[in-house]
Amino acid sequence: MGFKDLRAFNLAMLGKQAWRMLTKPDSLVARVYKARYFPKGSFFDAQVGNNPSFCWRSIMVAKSIIFGGVRRRIGNGESTFIWTHPWLQNDHDPMIQTEMPIQLKEAKVAGLIDQQTGSGIPQS
């Protein structure tokens, strides 16, 4: 087949698996990995953890590459954390850069949306 960079090809294939777990969380593979490695969260929040399998460690390497270009659709904002999910439209840095107040660690983007109009709450 003549691959020029076998490592890059391998990362691309692992990235494809990471993308599938992100976009198809109800698939059998995603459910098995969720039960083992991130039972209380989403694939987005998953960590390598203790005593991971070789496959899981490899997928976690590819996850960082995939998430470098991923942006979340906000919708109603109920599933997007303000400080830990990439949701801003900035191509270079989609994360909030403001220092996070500890009491707002679990705050969601829904808190920034006026539920009556569906628009952002104006800054004062």
PDB file of N, CA and C in Angstrom:
ATOM      1  N   MET A   1       0.818  -1.180   0.000  1.00  0.00           N
ATOM      2  CA  MET A   1       0.000   0.000   0.000  1.00  0.00           C
ATOM      3  C   MET A   1       0.866   1.250   0.000  1.00  0.00           C
ATOM      4  N   GLY A   2       2.038   1.195   0.558  1.00  0.00           N
ATOM      5  CA  GLY A   2       2.971   2.307   0.482  1.00  0.00           C
ATOM      6  C   GLY A   2       2.598   3.518   1.320  1.00  0.00           C
ATOM      7  N   PHE A   3       2.245   3.335   2.604  1.00  0.00           N
ATOM      8  CA  PHE A   3       1.960   4.481   3.462  1.00  0.00           C
ATOM      9  C   PHE A   3       3.244   5.245   3.722  1.00  0.00           C
ATOM     10  N   LYS A   4       3.205   6.553   3.568  1.00  0.00           N
ATOM     11  CA  LYS A   4       4.391   7.364   3.812  1.00  0.00           C
ATOM     12  C   LYS A   4       4.647   7.566   5.297  1.00  0.00           C
ATOM     13  N   ASP A   5       3.572   7.703   6.081  1.00  0.00           N
ATOM     14  CA  ASP A   5       3.719   7.921   7.512  1.00  0.00           C
ATOM     15  C   ASP A   5       2.717   7.025   8.233  1.00  0.00           C
ATOM     16  N   LEU A   6       3.192   5.869   8.664  1.00  0.00           N
ATOM     17  CA  LEU A   6       2.318   4.888   9.286  1.00  0.00           C
ATOM     18  C   LEU A   6       1.723   5.409  10.591  1.00  0.00           C
ATOM     19  N   ARG A   7       2.474   6.200  11.343  1.00  0.00           N
ATOM     20  CA  ARG A   7       1.956   6.763  12.602  1.00  0.00           C
ATOM     21  C   ARG A   7       0.783   7.704  12.329  1.00  0.00           C
ATOM     22  N   ALA A   8       0.906   8.554  11.320  1.00  0.00           N
ATOM     23  CA  ALA A   8      -0.180   9.476  10.982  1.00  0.00           C
ATOM     24  C   ALA A   8      -1.418   8.708  10.518  1.00  0.00           C
ATOM     25  N   PHE A   9      -1.203   7.643   9.742  1.00  0.00           N
ATOM     26  CA  PHE A   9      -2.323   6.824   9.292  1.00  0.00           C
ATOM     27  C   PHE A   9      -3.013   6.166  10.478  1.00  0.00           C
ATOM     28  N   ASN A  10      -2.228   5.630  11.415  1.00  0.00           N
ATOM     29  CA  ASN A  10      -2.786   5.001  12.606  1.00  0.00           C
ATOM     30  C   ASN A  10      -3.589   6.010  13.430  1.00  0.00           C
ATOM     31  N   LEU A  11      -3.049   7.211  13.613  1.00  0.00           N
ATOM     32  CA  LEU A  11      -3.775   8.250  14.351  1.00  0.00           C
ATOM     33  C   LEU A  11      -5.078   8.620  13.649  1.00  0.00           C
ATOM     34  N   ALA A  12      -5.059   8.637  12.338  1.00  0.00           N
ATOM     35  CA  ALA A  12      -6.278   8.947  11.588  1.00  0.00           C
ATOM     36  C   ALA A  12      -7.345   7.878  11.820  1.00  0.00           C
ATOM     37  N   MET A  13      -6.946   6.618  11.825  1.00  0.00           N
ATOM     38  CA  MET A  13      -7.904   5.533  12.062  1.00  0.00           C
ATOM     39  C   MET A  13      -8.416   5.555  13.505  1.00  0.00           C
ATOM     40  N   LEU A  14      -7.538   5.845  14.458  1.00  0.00           N
ATOM     41  CA  LEU A  14      -7.972   5.965  15.850  1.00  0.00           C
ATOM     42  C   LEU A  14      -8.879   7.178  16.030  1.00  0.00           C
ATOM     43  N   GLY A  15      -8.565   8.257  15.322  1.00  0.00           N
ATOM     44  CA  GLY A  15      -9.412   9.445  15.361  1.00  0.00           C
ATOM     45  C   GLY A  15     -10.805   9.158  14.840  1.00  0.00           C
ATOM     46  N   LYS A  16     -10.882   8.297  13.845  1.00  0.00           N
ATOM     47  CA  LYS A  16     -12.185   7.910  13.309  1.00  0.00           C
ATOM     48  C   LYS A  16     -13.002   7.178  14.376  1.00  0.00           C
ATOM     49  N   GLN A  17     -12.355   6.338  15.166  1.00  0.00           N
ATOM     50  CA  GLN A  17     -13.041   5.653  16.256  1.00  0.00           C
ATOM     51  C   GLN A  17     -13.484   6.642  17.328  1.00  0.00           C
ATOM     52  N   ALA A  18     -12.616   7.600  17.651  1.00  0.00           N
ATOM     53  CA  ALA A  18     -12.977   8.634  18.634  1.00  0.00           C
ATOM     54  C   ALA A  18     -14.174   9.436  18.134  1.00  0.00           C
ATOM     55  N   TRP A  19     -14.163   9.795  16.866  1.00  0.00           N
ATOM     56  CA  TRP A  19     -15.267  10.559  16.274  1.00  0.00           C
ATOM     57  C   TRP A  19     -16.570   9.773  16.353  1.00  0.00           C
ATOM     58  N   ARG A  20     -16.503   8.477  16.090  1.00  0.00           N
ATOM     59  CA  ARG A  20     -17.710   7.642  16.165  1.00  0.00           C
ATOM     60  C   ARG A  20     -18.253   7.584  17.588  1.00  0.00           C
ATOM     61  N   MET A  21     -17.368   7.496  18.578  1.00  0.00           N
ATOM     62  CA  MET A  21     -17.847   7.479  19.963  1.00  0.00           C
ATOM     63  C   MET A  21     -18.477   8.813  20.341  1.00  0.00           C
ATOM     64  N   LEU A  22     -17.950   9.880  19.779  1.00  0.00           N
ATOM     65  CA  LEU A  22     -18.481  11.213  20.060  1.00  0.00           C
ATOM     66  C   LEU A  22     -19.833  11.419  19.388  1.00  0.00           C
ATOM     67  N   THR A  23     -19.964  10.978  18.151  1.00  0.00           N
ATOM     68  CA  THR A  23     -21.185  11.241  17.387  1.00  0.00           C
ATOM     69  C   THR A  23     -22.230  10.140  17.477  1.00  0.00           C
ATOM     70  N   LYS A  24     -21.821   8.934  17.878  1.00  0.00           N
ATOM     71  CA  LYS A  24     -22.769   7.815  18.004  1.00  0.00           C
ATOM     72  C   LYS A  24     -22.611   7.164  19.376  1.00  0.00           C
ATOM     73  N   PRO A  25     -23.030   7.888  20.424  1.00  0.00           N
ATOM     74  CA  PRO A  25     -22.829   7.365  21.780  1.00  0.00           C
ATOM     75  C   PRO A  25     -23.674   6.129  22.103  1.00  0.00           C
ATOM     76  N   ASP A  26     -24.623   5.779  21.256  1.00  0.00           N
ATOM     77  CA  ASP A  26     -25.458   4.608  21.514  1.00  0.00           C
ATOM     78  C   ASP A  26     -24.944   3.343  20.824  1.00  0.00           C
ATOM     79  N   SER A  27     -23.826   3.459  20.102  1.00  0.00           N
ATOM     80  CA  SER A  27     -23.267   2.277  19.453  1.00  0.00           C
ATOM     81  C   SER A  27     -22.737   1.312  20.519  1.00  0.00           C
ATOM     82  N   LEU A  28     -22.591   0.058  20.158  1.00  0.00           N
ATOM     83  CA  LEU A  28     -22.149  -0.955  21.111  1.00  0.00           C
ATOM     84  C   LEU A  28     -20.760  -0.631  21.669  1.00  0.00           C
ATOM     85  N   VAL A  29     -19.836  -0.269  20.803  1.00  0.00           N
ATOM     86  CA  VAL A  29     -18.474   0.048  21.250  1.00  0.00           C
ATOM     87  C   VAL A  29     -18.483   1.237  22.206  1.00  0.00           C
ATOM     88  N   ALA A  30     -19.227   2.277  21.872  1.00  0.00           N
ATOM     89  CA  ALA A  30     -19.288   3.457  22.734  1.00  0.00           C
ATOM     90  C   ALA A  30     -19.887   3.105  24.093  1.00  0.00           C
ATOM     91  N   ARG A  31     -20.909   2.270  24.112  1.00  0.00           N
ATOM     92  CA  ARG A  31     -21.526   1.886  25.379  1.00  0.00           C
ATOM     93  C   ARG A  31     -20.591   1.035  26.237  1.00  0.00           C
ATOM     94  N   VAL A  32     -19.809   0.147  25.601  1.00  0.00           N
ATOM     95  CA  VAL A  32     -18.857  -0.681  26.346  1.00  0.00           C
ATOM     96  C   VAL A  32     -17.771   0.194  26.963  1.00  0.00           C
ATOM     97  N   TYR A  33     -17.195   1.095  26.165  1.00  0.00           N
ATOM     98  CA  TYR A  33     -16.157   1.984  26.692  1.00  0.00           C
ATOM     99  C   TYR A  33     -16.723   2.930  27.750  1.00  0.00           C
ATOM    100  N   LYS A  34     -17.946   3.388  27.550  1.00  0.00           N
ATOM    101  CA  LYS A  34     -18.562   4.272  28.545  1.00  0.00           C
ATOM    102  C   LYS A  34     -18.706   3.561  29.882  1.00  0.00           C
ATOM    103  N   ALA A  35     -19.172   2.329  29.855  1.00  0.00           N
ATOM    104  CA  ALA A  35     -19.347   1.568  31.091  1.00  0.00           C
ATOM    105  C   ALA A  35     -18.022   1.389  31.831  1.00  0.00           C
ATOM    106  N   ARG A  36     -16.953   1.246  31.090  1.00  0.00           N
ATOM    107  CA  ARG A  36     -15.645   0.982  31.713  1.00  0.00           C
ATOM    108  C   ARG A  36     -14.884   2.253  32.085  1.00  0.00           C
ATOM    109  N   TYR A  37     -14.897   3.269  31.209  1.00  0.00           N
ATOM    110  CA  TYR A  37     -13.989   4.399  31.379  1.00  0.00           C
ATOM    111  C   TYR A  37     -14.639   5.739  31.722  1.00  0.00           C
ATOM    112  N   PHE A  38     -15.901   5.942  31.372  1.00  0.00           N
ATOM    113  CA  PHE A  38     -16.547   7.219  31.712  1.00  0.00           C
ATOM    114  C   PHE A  38     -18.028   7.004  32.012  1.00  0.00           C
ATOM    115  N   PRO A  39     -18.340   6.232  33.060  1.00  0.00           N
ATOM    116  CA  PRO A  39     -19.739   5.880  33.347  1.00  0.00           C
ATOM    117  C   PRO A  39     -20.614   7.058  33.752  1.00  0.00           C
ATOM    118  N   LYS A  40     -20.043   8.112  34.311  1.00  0.00           N
ATOM    119  CA  LYS A  40     -20.860   9.229  34.799  1.00  0.00           C
ATOM    120  C   LYS A  40     -20.787  10.460  33.922  1.00  0.00           C
ATOM    121  N   GLY A  41     -20.096  10.381  32.809  1.00  0.00           N
ATOM    122  CA  GLY A  41     -19.960  11.551  31.948  1.00  0.00           C
ATOM    123  C   GLY A  41     -20.123  11.192  30.488  1.00  0.00           C
ATOM    124  N   SER A  42     -19.569  12.031  29.640  1.00  0.00           N
ATOM    125  CA  SER A  42     -19.622  11.787  28.205  1.00  0.00           C
ATOM    126  C   SER A  42     -18.215  11.494  27.696  1.00  0.00           C
ATOM    127  N   PHE A  43     -18.112  11.058  26.466  1.00  0.00           N
ATOM    128  CA  PHE A  43     -16.809  10.787  25.865  1.00  0.00           C
ATOM    129  C   PHE A  43     -15.955  12.045  25.881  1.00  0.00           C
ATOM    130  N   PHE A  44     -16.600  13.182  25.740  1.00  0.00           N
ATOM    131  CA  PHE A  44     -15.867  14.449  25.744  1.00  0.00           C
ATOM    132  C   PHE A  44     -15.090  14.639  27.046  1.00  0.00           C
ATOM    133  N   ASP A  45     -15.660  14.209  28.154  1.00  0.00           N
ATOM    134  CA  ASP A  45     -15.060  14.389  29.467  1.00  0.00           C
ATOM    135  C   ASP A  45     -14.205  13.198  29.908  1.00  0.00           C
ATOM    136  N   ALA A  46     -14.096  12.163  29.090  1.00  0.00           N
ATOM    137  CA  ALA A  46     -13.387  10.936  29.468  1.00  0.00           C
ATOM    138  C   ALA A  46     -11.889  11.180  29.648  1.00  0.00           C
ATOM    139  N   GLN A  47     -11.318  10.441  30.583  1.00  0.00           N
ATOM    140  CA  GLN A  47      -9.883  10.473  30.862  1.00  0.00           C
ATOM    141  C   GLN A  47      -9.300   9.085  30.623  1.00  0.00           C
ATOM    142  N   VAL A  48      -7.976   8.989  30.590  1.00  0.00           N
ATOM    143  CA  VAL A  48      -7.329   7.696  30.402  1.00  0.00           C
ATOM    144  C   VAL A  48      -7.675   6.763  31.560  1.00  0.00           C
ATOM    145  N   GLY A  49      -7.642   7.253  32.787  1.00  0.00           N
ATOM    146  CA  GLY A  49      -8.040   6.464  33.946  1.00  0.00           C
ATOM    147  C   GLY A  49      -6.973   5.495  34.414  1.00  0.00           C
ATOM    148  N   ASN A  50      -7.360   4.655  35.350  1.00  0.00           N
ATOM    149  CA  ASN A  50      -6.452   3.667  35.934  1.00  0.00           C
ATOM    150  C   ASN A  50      -6.508   2.363  35.148  1.00  0.00           C
ATOM    151  N   ASN A  51      -5.340   1.788  34.911  1.00  0.00           N
ATOM    152  CA  ASN A  51      -5.215   0.501  34.244  1.00  0.00           C
ATOM    153  C   ASN A  51      -5.995   0.434  32.926  1.00  0.00           C
ATOM    154  N   PRO A  52      -5.758   1.385  32.004  1.00  0.00           N
ATOM    155  CA  PRO A  52      -6.498   1.383  30.743  1.00  0.00           C
ATOM    156  C   PRO A  52      -5.967   0.319  29.780  1.00  0.00           C
ATOM    157  N   SER A  53      -6.819  -0.108  28.880  1.00  0.00           N
ATOM    158  CA  SER A  53      -6.389  -1.046  27.853  1.00  0.00           C
ATOM    159  C   SER A  53      -5.532  -0.304  26.824  1.00  0.00           C
ATOM    160  N   PHE A  54      -4.806  -1.066  26.030  1.00  0.00           N
ATOM    161  CA  PHE A  54      -3.979  -0.465  24.985  1.00  0.00           C
ATOM    162  C   PHE A  54      -4.854   0.303  23.989  1.00  0.00           C
ATOM    163  N   CYS A  55      -5.994  -0.277  23.638  1.00  0.00           N
ATOM    164  CA  CYS A  55      -6.899   0.385  22.682  1.00  0.00           C
ATOM    165  C   CYS A  55      -7.406   1.711  23.240  1.00  0.00           C
ATOM    166  N   TRP A  56      -7.809   1.717  24.517  1.00  0.00           N
ATOM    167  CA  TRP A  56      -8.330   2.943  25.111  1.00  0.00           C
ATOM    168  C   TRP A  56      -7.255   4.025  25.166  1.00  0.00           C
ATOM    169  N   ARG A  57      -6.031   3.662  25.557  1.00  0.00           N
ATOM    170  CA  ARG A  57      -4.938   4.645  25.577  1.00  0.00           C
ATOM    171  C   ARG A  57      -4.708   5.214  24.187  1.00  0.00           C
ATOM    172  N   SER A  58      -4.776   4.374  23.188  1.00  0.00           N
ATOM    173  CA  SER A  58      -4.562   4.827  21.805  1.00  0.00           C
ATOM    174  C   SER A  58      -5.672   5.767  21.355  1.00  0.00           C
ATOM    175  N   ILE A  59      -6.910   5.447  21.696  1.00  0.00           N
ATOM    176  CA  ILE A  59      -8.040   6.317  21.336  1.00  0.00           C
ATOM    177  C   ILE A  59      -7.921   7.656  22.040  1.00  0.00           C
ATOM    178  N   MET A  60      -7.431   7.661  23.270  1.00  0.00           N
ATOM    179  CA  MET A  60      -7.254   8.919  24.013  1.00  0.00           C
ATOM    180  C   MET A  60      -6.205   9.821  23.360  1.00  0.00           C
ATOM    181  N   VAL A  61      -5.188   9.243  22.741  1.00  0.00           N
ATOM    182  CA  VAL A  61      -4.208  10.051  21.999  1.00  0.00           C
ATOM    183  C   VAL A  61      -4.900  10.717  20.815  1.00  0.00           C
ATOM    184  N   ALA A  62      -5.714   9.959  20.107  1.00  0.00           N
ATOM    185  CA  ALA A  62      -6.429  10.509  18.957  1.00  0.00           C
ATOM    186  C   ALA A  62      -7.510  11.500  19.379  1.00  0.00           C
ATOM    187  N   LYS A  63      -8.066  11.321  20.572  1.00  0.00           N
ATOM    188  CA  LYS A  63      -9.116  12.221  21.062  1.00  0.00           C
ATOM    189  C   LYS A  63      -8.619  13.653  21.122  1.00  0.00           C
ATOM    190  N   SER A  64      -7.410  13.849  21.591  1.00  0.00           N
ATOM    191  CA  SER A  64      -6.879  15.216  21.683  1.00  0.00           C
ATOM    192  C   SER A  64      -6.753  15.859  20.305  1.00  0.00           C
ATOM    193  N   ILE A  65      -6.449  15.071  19.297  1.00  0.00           N
ATOM    194  CA  ILE A  65      -6.356  15.609  17.934  1.00  0.00           C
ATOM    195  C   ILE A  65      -7.745  15.971  17.417  1.00  0.00           C
ATOM    196  N   ILE A  66      -8.703  15.089  17.622  1.00  0.00           N
ATOM    197  CA  ILE A  66     -10.082  15.332  17.170  1.00  0.00           C
ATOM    198  C   ILE A  66     -10.654  16.568  17.854  1.00  0.00           C
ATOM    199  N   PHE A  67     -10.461  16.667  19.166  1.00  0.00           N
ATOM    200  CA  PHE A  67     -11.050  17.771  19.900  1.00  0.00           C
ATOM    201  C   PHE A  67     -10.375  19.097  19.622  1.00  0.00           C
ATOM    202  N   GLY A  68      -9.241  19.077  18.952  1.00  0.00           N
ATOM    203  CA  GLY A  68      -8.612  20.329  18.540  1.00  0.00           C
ATOM    204  C   GLY A  68      -9.456  21.070  17.509  1.00  0.00           C
ATOM    205  N   GLY A  69     -10.303  20.347  16.779  1.00  0.00           N
ATOM    206  CA  GLY A  69     -11.126  20.970  15.753  1.00  0.00           C
ATOM    207  C   GLY A  69     -12.616  20.857  15.991  1.00  0.00           C
ATOM    208  N   VAL A  70     -13.027  20.257  17.085  1.00  0.00           N
ATOM    209  CA  VAL A  70     -14.446  20.053  17.372  1.00  0.00           C
ATOM    210  C   VAL A  70     -15.057  21.298  17.999  1.00  0.00           C
ATOM    211  N   ARG A  71     -16.283  21.606  17.588  1.00  0.00           N
ATOM    212  CA  ARG A  71     -17.076  22.661  18.224  1.00  0.00           C
ATOM    213  C   ARG A  71     -18.437  22.073  18.529  1.00  0.00           C
ATOM    214  N   ARG A  72     -18.997  22.488  19.632  1.00  0.00           N
ATOM    215  CA  ARG A  72     -20.308  21.981  20.039  1.00  0.00           C
ATOM    216  C   ARG A  72     -21.418  22.859  19.478  1.00  0.00           C
ATOM    217  N   ARG A  73     -22.519  22.235  19.120  1.00  0.00           N
ATOM    218  CA  ARG A  73     -23.736  22.974  18.808  1.00  0.00           C
ATOM    219  C   ARG A  73     -24.431  23.216  20.132  1.00  0.00           C
ATOM    220  N   ILE A  74     -24.837  24.430  20.348  1.00  0.00           N
ATOM    221  CA  ILE A  74     -25.364  24.796  21.653  1.00  0.00           C
ATOM    222  C   ILE A  74     -26.788  24.294  21.863  1.00  0.00           C
ATOM    223  N   GLY A  75     -27.663  24.459  20.903  1.00  0.00           N
ATOM    224  CA  GLY A  75     -29.061  24.075  21.111  1.00  0.00           C
ATOM    225  C   GLY A  75     -29.642  24.872  22.262  1.00  0.00           C
ATOM    226  N   ASN A  76     -30.152  24.181  23.274  1.00  0.00           N
ATOM    227  CA  ASN A  76     -30.701  24.889  24.430  1.00  0.00           C
ATOM    228  C   ASN A  76     -29.639  25.144  25.500  1.00  0.00           C
ATOM    229  N   GLY A  77     -28.420  24.622  25.308  1.00  0.00           N
ATOM    230  CA  GLY A  77     -27.311  24.878  26.223  1.00  0.00           C
ATOM    231  C   GLY A  77     -27.274  24.006  27.452  1.00  0.00           C
ATOM    232  N   GLU A  78     -28.202  23.059  27.574  1.00  0.00           N
ATOM    233  CA  GLU A  78     -28.292  22.229  28.778  1.00  0.00           C
ATOM    234  C   GLU A  78     -27.176  21.190  28.901  1.00  0.00           C
ATOM    235  N   SER A  79     -26.522  20.855  27.802  1.00  0.00           N
ATOM    236  CA  SER A  79     -25.483  19.814  27.868  1.00  0.00           C
ATOM    237  C   SER A  79     -24.076  20.371  27.647  1.00  0.00           C
ATOM    238  N   THR A  80     -23.928  21.679  27.598  1.00  0.00           N
ATOM    239  CA  THR A  80     -22.628  22.294  27.341  1.00  0.00           C
ATOM    240  C   THR A  80     -22.158  23.090  28.547  1.00  0.00           C
ATOM    241  N   PHE A  81     -21.016  22.708  29.098  1.00  0.00           N
ATOM    242  CA  PHE A  81     -20.430  23.431  30.225  1.00  0.00           C
ATOM    243  C   PHE A  81     -19.715  24.685  29.721  1.00  0.00           C
ATOM    244  N   ILE A  82     -19.851  25.779  30.430  1.00  0.00           N
ATOM    245  CA  ILE A  82     -19.278  27.060  29.998  1.00  0.00           C
ATOM    246  C   ILE A  82     -17.761  26.997  29.910  1.00  0.00           C
ATOM    247  N   TRP A  83     -17.107  26.447  30.934  1.00  0.00           N
ATOM    248  CA  TRP A  83     -15.642  26.525  30.991  1.00  0.00           C
ATOM    249  C   TRP A  83     -14.910  25.311  30.458  1.00  0.00           C
ATOM    250  N   THR A  84     -15.541  24.165  30.338  1.00  0.00           N
ATOM    251  CA  THR A  84     -14.788  22.968  29.960  1.00  0.00           C
ATOM    252  C   THR A  84     -15.098  22.416  28.578  1.00  0.00           C
ATOM    253  N   HIS A  85     -16.075  22.950  27.877  1.00  0.00           N
ATOM    254  CA  HIS A  85     -16.380  22.492  26.529  1.00  0.00           C
ATOM    255  C   HIS A  85     -16.029  23.576  25.506  1.00  0.00           C
ATOM    256  N   PRO A  86     -15.531  23.174  24.326  1.00  0.00           N
ATOM    257  CA  PRO A  86     -15.228  24.161  23.284  1.00  0.00           C
ATOM    258  C   PRO A  86     -16.509  24.559  22.547  1.00  0.00           C
ATOM    259  N   TRP A  87     -17.020  25.739  22.815  1.00  0.00           N
ATOM    260  CA  TRP A  87     -18.295  26.126  22.213  1.00  0.00           C
ATOM    261  C   TRP A  87     -18.272  27.499  21.556  1.00  0.00           C
ATOM    262  N   LEU A  88     -17.217  28.259  21.729  1.00  0.00           N
ATOM    263  CA  LEU A  88     -17.138  29.572  21.083  1.00  0.00           C
ATOM    264  C   LEU A  88     -16.795  29.420  19.608  1.00  0.00           C
ATOM    265  N   GLN A  89     -17.159  30.400  18.803  1.00  0.00           N
ATOM    266  CA  GLN A  89     -16.928  30.313  17.366  1.00  0.00           C
ATOM    267  C   GLN A  89     -15.509  30.706  16.958  1.00  0.00           C
ATOM    268  N   ASN A  90     -14.666  31.039  17.893  1.00  0.00           N
ATOM    269  CA  ASN A  90     -13.290  31.416  17.607  1.00  0.00           C
ATOM    270  C   ASN A  90     -12.520  30.194  17.104  1.00  0.00           C
ATOM    271  N   ASP A  91     -11.969  30.264  15.885  1.00  0.00           N
ATOM    272  CA  ASP A  91     -11.244  29.134  15.314  1.00  0.00           C
ATOM    273  C   ASP A  91      -9.951  28.819  16.056  1.00  0.00           C
ATOM    274  N   HIS A  92      -9.326  29.836  16.611  1.00  0.00           N
ATOM    275  CA  HIS A  92      -8.037  29.636  17.274  1.00  0.00           C
ATOM    276  C   HIS A  92      -8.180  29.188  18.721  1.00  0.00           C
ATOM    277  N   ASP A  93      -9.225  29.633  19.403  1.00  0.00           N
ATOM    278  CA  ASP A  93      -9.421  29.245  20.792  1.00  0.00           C
ATOM    279  C   ASP A  93     -10.911  29.240  21.123  1.00  0.00           C
ATOM    280  N   PRO A  94     -11.549  28.057  21.067  1.00  0.00           N
ATOM    281  CA  PRO A  94     -12.980  27.960  21.301  1.00  0.00           C
ATOM    282  C   PRO A  94     -13.378  27.877  22.773  1.00  0.00           C
ATOM    283  N   MET A  95     -12.409  28.026  23.667  1.00  0.00           N
ATOM    284  CA  MET A  95     -12.667  27.904  25.097  1.00  0.00           C
ATOM    285  C   MET A  95     -12.768  29.284  25.749  1.00  0.00           C
ATOM    286  N   ILE A  96     -13.536  29.378  26.846  1.00  0.00           N
ATOM    287  CA  ILE A  96     -13.628  30.601  27.631  1.00  0.00           C
ATOM    288  C   ILE A  96     -12.288  30.815  28.327  1.00  0.00           C
ATOM    289  N   GLN A  97     -11.744  32.033  28.247  1.00  0.00           N
ATOM    290  CA  GLN A  97     -10.446  32.318  28.847  1.00  0.00           C
ATOM    291  C   GLN A  97     -10.553  33.034  30.195  1.00  0.00           C
ATOM    292  N   THR A  98     -11.741  33.473  30.561  1.00  0.00           N
ATOM    293  CA  THR A  98     -11.954  34.131  31.843  1.00  0.00           C
ATOM    294  C   THR A  98     -11.700  33.144  32.966  1.00  0.00           C
ATOM    295  N   GLU A  99     -11.132  33.609  34.068  1.00  0.00           N
ATOM    296  CA  GLU A  99     -10.896  32.733  35.205  1.00  0.00           C
ATOM    297  C   GLU A  99     -12.228  32.190  35.720  1.00  0.00           C
ATOM    298  N   MET A 100     -12.260  30.899  35.988  1.00  0.00           N
ATOM    299  CA  MET A 100     -13.496  30.247  36.399  1.00  0.00           C
ATOM    300  C   MET A 100     -13.720  30.382  37.898  1.00  0.00           C
ATOM    301  N   PRO A 101     -14.832  31.015  38.318  1.00  0.00           N
ATOM    302  CA  PRO A 101     -15.186  31.018  39.742  1.00  0.00           C
ATOM    303  C   PRO A 101     -15.546  29.589  40.150  1.00  0.00           C
ATOM    304  N   ILE A 102     -15.019  29.130  41.252  1.00  0.00           N
ATOM    305  CA  ILE A 102     -15.204  27.743  41.683  1.00  0.00           C
ATOM    306  C   ILE A 102     -16.678  27.372  41.837  1.00  0.00           C
ATOM    307  N   GLN A 103     -17.515  28.312  42.257  1.00  0.00           N
ATOM    308  CA  GLN A 103     -18.942  28.007  42.437  1.00  0.00           C
ATOM    309  C   GLN A 103     -19.671  27.839  41.100  1.00  0.00           C
ATOM    310  N   LEU A 104     -19.042  28.235  39.993  1.00  0.00           N
ATOM    311  CA  LEU A 104     -19.661  28.095  38.671  1.00  0.00           C
ATOM    312  C   LEU A 104     -19.012  26.996  37.837  1.00  0.00           C
ATOM    313  N   LYS A 105     -18.277  26.094  38.489  1.00  0.00           N
ATOM    314  CA  LYS A 105     -17.573  25.029  37.787  1.00  0.00           C
ATOM    315  C   LYS A 105     -18.509  24.191  36.920  1.00  0.00           C
ATOM    316  N   GLU A 106     -19.695  23.921  37.404  1.00  0.00           N
ATOM    317  CA  GLU A 106     -20.658  23.087  36.683  1.00  0.00           C
ATOM    318  C   GLU A 106     -21.691  23.912  35.903  1.00  0.00           C
ATOM    319  N   ALA A 107     -21.459  25.215  35.737  1.00  0.00           N
ATOM    320  CA  ALA A 107     -22.417  26.082  35.037  1.00  0.00           C
ATOM    321  C   ALA A 107     -22.509  25.703  33.565  1.00  0.00           C
ATOM    322  N   LYS A 108     -23.715  25.767  33.058  1.00  0.00           N
ATOM    323  CA  LYS A 108     -23.958  25.402  31.658  1.00  0.00           C
ATOM    324  C   LYS A 108     -24.317  26.638  30.850  1.00  0.00           C
ATOM    325  N   VAL A 109     -24.134  26.531  29.544  1.00  0.00           N
ATOM    326  CA  VAL A 109     -24.409  27.639  28.633  1.00  0.00           C
ATOM    327  C   VAL A 109     -25.877  28.048  28.696  1.00  0.00           C
ATOM    328  N   ALA A 110     -26.759  27.141  29.085  1.00  0.00           N
ATOM    329  CA  ALA A 110     -28.189  27.464  29.206  1.00  0.00           C
ATOM    330  C   ALA A 110     -28.400  28.652  30.134  1.00  0.00           C
ATOM    331  N   GLY A 111     -27.530  28.817  31.129  1.00  0.00           N
ATOM    332  CA  GLY A 111     -27.640  29.943  32.054  1.00  0.00           C
ATOM    333  C   GLY A 111     -27.320  31.273  31.406  1.00  0.00           C
ATOM    334  N   LEU A 112     -26.719  31.244  30.229  1.00  0.00           N
ATOM    335  CA  LEU A 112     -26.386  32.471  29.503  1.00  0.00           C
ATOM    336  C   LEU A 112     -27.425  32.814  28.436  1.00  0.00           C
ATOM    337  N   ILE A 113     -28.421  31.956  28.284  1.00  0.00           N
ATOM    338  CA  ILE A 113     -29.432  32.143  27.236  1.00  0.00           C
ATOM    339  C   ILE A 113     -30.746  32.573  27.869  1.00  0.00           C
ATOM    340  N   ASP A 114     -31.340  33.628  27.325  1.00  0.00           N
ATOM    341  CA  ASP A 114     -32.677  34.057  27.748  1.00  0.00           C
ATOM    342  C   ASP A 114     -33.666  33.029  27.187  1.00  0.00           C
ATOM    343  N   GLN A 115     -34.293  32.266  28.059  1.00  0.00           N
ATOM    344  CA  GLN A 115     -35.166  31.182  27.624  1.00  0.00           C
ATOM    345  C   GLN A 115     -36.423  31.676  26.907  1.00  0.00           C
ATOM    346  N   GLN A 116     -36.821  32.928  27.136  1.00  0.00           N
ATOM    347  CA  GLN A 116     -37.999  33.479  26.466  1.00  0.00           C
ATOM    348  C   GLN A 116     -37.724  33.807  25.008  1.00  0.00           C
ATOM    349  N   THR A 117     -36.559  34.422  24.751  1.00  0.00           N
ATOM    350  CA  THR A 117     -36.249  34.874  23.385  1.00  0.00           C
ATOM    351  C   THR A 117     -35.278  33.952  22.675  1.00  0.00           C
ATOM    352  N   GLY A 118     -34.546  33.122  23.413  1.00  0.00           N
ATOM    353  CA  GLY A 118     -33.543  32.247  22.798  1.00  0.00           C
ATOM    354  C   GLY A 118     -32.255  32.959  22.447  1.00  0.00           C
ATOM    355  N   SER A 119     -32.113  34.199  22.909  1.00  0.00           N
ATOM    356  CA  SER A 119     -30.907  34.950  22.617  1.00  0.00           C
ATOM    357  C   SER A 119     -30.029  35.046  23.867  1.00  0.00           C
ATOM    358  N   GLY A 120     -28.798  35.506  23.658  1.00  0.00           N
ATOM    359  CA  GLY A 120     -27.869  35.657  24.775  1.00  0.00           C
ATOM    360  C   GLY A 120     -28.324  36.748  25.730  1.00  0.00           C
ATOM    361  N   ILE A 121     -28.042  36.560  26.995  1.00  0.00           N
ATOM    362  CA  ILE A 121     -28.384  37.572  28.004  1.00  0.00           C
ATOM    363  C   ILE A 121     -27.401  38.722  27.846  1.00  0.00           C
ATOM    364  N   PRO A 122     -27.894  39.970  27.719  1.00  0.00           N
ATOM    365  CA  PRO A 122     -26.978  41.098  27.510  1.00  0.00           C
ATOM    366  C   PRO A 122     -26.070  41.322  28.721  1.00  0.00           C
ATOM    367  N   GLN A 123     -24.828  41.739  28.415  1.00  0.00           N
ATOM    368  CA  GLN A 123     -23.861  42.067  29.460  1.00  0.00           C
ATOM    369  C   GLN A 123     -24.230  43.403  30.099  1.00  0.00           C
ATOM    370  N   SER A 124     -23.992  43.561  31.390  1.00  0.00           N
ATOM    371  CA  SER A 124     -24.288  44.834  32.041  1.00  0.00           C
ATOM    372  C   SER A 124     -23.022  45.613  32.316  1.00  0.00           C
TER     373      SER A 124
END
